[in-house]
Protein backbone atom coordinates (compact mmCIF):
# COMPACT_ATOMS: atom_id res chain seq x y z
CA MET A 1 -9.43 14.67 -37.35
CA LYS A 2 -6.12 13.53 -35.85
CA ARG A 3 -5.21 17.10 -34.99
CA THR A 4 -8.52 17.64 -33.15
CA GLY A 5 -7.98 14.45 -31.17
CA ALA A 6 -4.46 15.49 -30.25
CA ILE A 7 -5.64 18.94 -29.13
CA LEU A 8 -8.39 17.40 -27.00
CA THR A 9 -5.90 15.01 -25.43
CA VAL A 10 -3.50 17.83 -24.56
CA LEU A 11 -6.31 19.97 -23.12
CA THR A 12 -7.53 17.05 -21.04
CA MET A 13 -4.03 16.49 -19.66
CA ILE A 14 -3.66 20.18 -18.80
CA PHE A 15 -7.06 20.16 -17.08
CA MET A 16 -6.08 17.10 -15.05
CA LEU A 17 -2.81 18.72 -13.98
CA LEU A 18 -4.49 21.96 -12.95
CA PHE A 19 -7.53 20.49 -11.24
CA GLY A 20 -6.34 17.01 -10.36
CA THR A 21 -6.96 15.40 -7.02
CA THR A 22 -4.36 16.18 -4.40
CA LEU A 23 -4.07 15.27 -0.76
CA ALA A 24 -2.98 18.71 0.41
CA TYR A 25 -4.51 20.18 3.55
CA THR A 26 -4.10 23.31 5.59
CA PRO A 27 -2.55 21.89 8.77
CA GLY A 28 -4.55 22.23 11.98
CA GLU A 29 -7.44 20.90 14.03
CA TYR A 30 -10.92 20.96 12.52
CA THR A 31 -14.28 20.25 14.13
CA ALA A 32 -17.22 18.94 12.11
CA THR A 33 -20.64 17.49 12.82
CA ALA A 34 -22.87 15.02 10.97
CA GLN A 35 -26.24 13.48 11.79
CA GLY A 36 -26.02 10.08 13.49
CA ASN A 37 -28.79 7.64 14.35
CA ASN A 38 -29.82 9.34 17.61
CA GLY A 39 -28.42 12.83 17.09
CA PRO A 40 -25.36 14.73 15.93
CA VAL A 41 -21.89 13.16 15.94
CA GLU A 42 -19.07 15.67 16.41
CA VAL A 43 -15.46 14.90 15.53
CA LYS A 44 -12.15 16.68 15.88
CA VAL A 45 -9.77 15.92 13.01
CA THR A 46 -6.08 16.84 13.17
CA LEU A 47 -4.42 17.25 9.78
CA ASP A 48 -0.85 17.73 8.64
CA ALA A 49 -0.02 19.21 5.23
CA ASP A 50 -0.56 15.87 3.48
CA ARG A 51 -2.07 13.38 5.93
CA ILE A 52 -4.65 12.77 8.64
CA ILE A 53 -2.91 12.73 12.02
CA ALA A 54 -5.84 11.99 14.37
CA VAL A 55 -9.62 11.55 14.42
CA GLU A 56 -11.43 11.90 17.74
CA VAL A 57 -15.16 11.68 18.44
CA THR A 58 -15.88 14.55 20.84
CA LYS A 59 -19.70 14.36 21.20
CA HIS A 60 -22.42 11.91 20.23
CA SER A 61 -25.85 10.58 21.21
CA GLU A 62 -25.48 7.11 19.74
CA THR A 63 -26.74 3.91 21.38
CA PRO A 64 -24.41 2.50 24.05
CA GLY A 65 -23.09 -0.91 23.05
CA ILE A 66 -23.14 -0.05 19.35
CA PHE A 67 -21.19 3.17 19.11
CA GLU A 68 -18.13 1.79 20.90
CA THR A 69 -17.29 -0.48 17.98
CA VAL A 70 -17.61 2.32 15.45
CA PHE A 71 -15.94 5.09 17.40
CA ASP A 72 -13.10 2.92 18.72
CA THR A 73 -12.30 1.19 15.43
CA LEU A 74 -12.97 3.58 12.54
CA PRO A 75 -10.86 6.58 13.63
CA GLN A 76 -7.86 4.27 13.93
CA GLN A 77 -8.51 2.77 10.46
CA ILE A 78 -8.96 6.23 8.91
CA VAL A 79 -5.59 7.37 10.29
CA GLU A 80 -3.68 4.13 9.60
CA LYS A 81 -4.95 3.63 6.06
CA GLN A 82 -5.47 7.33 5.19
CA THR A 83 -8.88 6.49 3.76
CA LEU A 84 -12.55 7.37 4.04
CA ALA A 85 -13.42 3.84 2.89
CA PRO A 86 -12.67 1.81 6.04
CA ASP A 87 -14.13 -1.58 6.86
CA THR A 88 -17.91 -1.85 7.19
CA ILE A 89 -19.36 -2.51 10.64
CA THR A 90 -22.54 -4.57 10.72
CA GLY A 91 -25.37 -3.06 12.74
CA ALA A 92 -23.88 0.42 12.90
CA THR A 93 -24.40 1.72 9.38
CA VAL A 94 -25.81 5.13 10.34
CA SER A 95 -23.22 5.76 13.08
CA ARG A 96 -20.41 4.74 10.72
CA GLN A 97 -21.69 7.01 7.96
CA ALA A 98 -22.08 9.94 10.39
CA LEU A 99 -18.45 9.57 11.45
CA LEU A 100 -17.25 9.38 7.84
CA ASP A 101 -19.39 12.38 6.80
CA ALA A 102 -18.05 14.48 9.68
CA VAL A 103 -14.44 13.60 8.84
CA ALA A 104 -15.11 14.41 5.17
CA ASP A 105 -16.51 17.81 6.21
CA ALA A 106 -13.38 18.51 8.27
CA ILE A 107 -11.22 17.64 5.26
CA VAL A 108 -13.21 20.09 3.12
CA GLN A 109 -12.69 22.77 5.80
CA ALA A 110 -8.94 22.11 5.52
CA GLY A 111 -9.05 22.63 1.76
CA GLY A 112 -8.78 18.95 0.90
CA ASN A 113 -10.80 16.71 -1.37
CA PRO A 114 -12.52 13.88 0.56
CA GLU A 115 -13.28 12.04 -2.69
CA ALA A 116 -9.56 11.35 -3.07
CA LEU A 117 -9.72 9.35 0.17
CA LYS A 118 -12.74 7.26 -0.82
CA ASP A 119 -10.82 4.95 -3.13
CA SER A 120 -11.38 1.58 -1.51
CA THR A 121 -8.88 -0.27 -3.65
CA ALA A 122 -7.13 -2.55 -1.22
CA PRO A 123 -3.63 -3.77 -1.90
CA VAL A 124 -3.55 -7.32 -3.19
CA ALA A 125 -1.83 -9.76 -0.88
CA GLU A 126 1.16 -11.55 -2.30
CA ASP A 127 1.12 -15.35 -2.46
CA GLU A 128 3.52 -17.04 -0.11
CA ALA A 129 4.59 -20.67 -0.34
CA LEU A 130 4.71 -22.50 2.98
CA THR A 131 5.85 -26.04 3.67
CA ALA A 132 4.84 -28.25 6.56
CA ASP A 133 4.71 -31.85 7.61
CA VAL A 134 1.18 -31.48 9.00
CA VAL A 135 -1.58 -28.99 8.17
CA VAL A 136 -4.42 -28.78 10.69
CA VAL A 137 -7.61 -27.10 9.46
CA GLY A 138 -9.66 -25.66 12.31
CA GLY A 139 -8.33 -23.93 15.40
CA GLY A 140 -10.90 -25.23 17.85
CA ALA A 141 -10.00 -27.34 20.87
CA ALA A 142 -9.45 -30.50 18.81
CA GLY A 143 -7.45 -28.67 16.13
CA ILE A 144 -5.18 -27.03 18.67
CA ALA A 145 -4.69 -30.34 20.47
CA ALA A 146 -3.82 -32.08 17.19
CA ALA A 147 -1.40 -29.31 16.20
CA LEU A 148 0.33 -29.40 19.60
CA GLU A 149 0.60 -33.19 19.51
CA ALA A 150 2.13 -33.10 16.01
CA HIS A 151 4.51 -30.31 17.04
CA ASP A 152 5.59 -32.23 20.14
CA ALA A 153 6.29 -35.23 17.88
CA GLY A 154 8.73 -33.07 15.88
CA ALA A 155 6.56 -32.21 12.89
CA LYS A 156 6.48 -28.78 11.29
CA VAL A 157 2.83 -27.73 11.71
CA ILE A 158 0.58 -25.12 10.10
CA LEU A 159 -2.71 -24.44 11.90
CA LEU A 160 -5.40 -22.79 9.77
CA GLU A 161 -8.45 -21.03 11.16
CA LYS A 162 -11.21 -19.66 8.98
């Protein structure tokens, strides 16, 4: 029984090494299209050997006033975070998904595995200890005025905004 378990473990490890997820791409520019809310969304994705260099929306038929948020924000997040699990945008679900699907298709064309980029595990922020004489909660007009007044009086101030 122990021998069978050991053999299965070794075979599993070999399989994972041979067919494991890698972020290797054939460098170049790739064009892909996915269905948006009002029609196709076309993107041009520029890839290096191991990273996404640029994502550009080249054609779309999406609703003015909605698509700007998606197509201005998501390509930047995809490149900066090297992920296909960027922040969600309320009210633009279909446009967002079309952009992500098109980028995933371009990654497949480049020989990559888009599933490897869908891990949405965000890094955990480290705790930081801060000290202050005055802590003002709320950055509205009154909060800013209170923080400025305390600062002018020589206090070390922390202003928190939700």
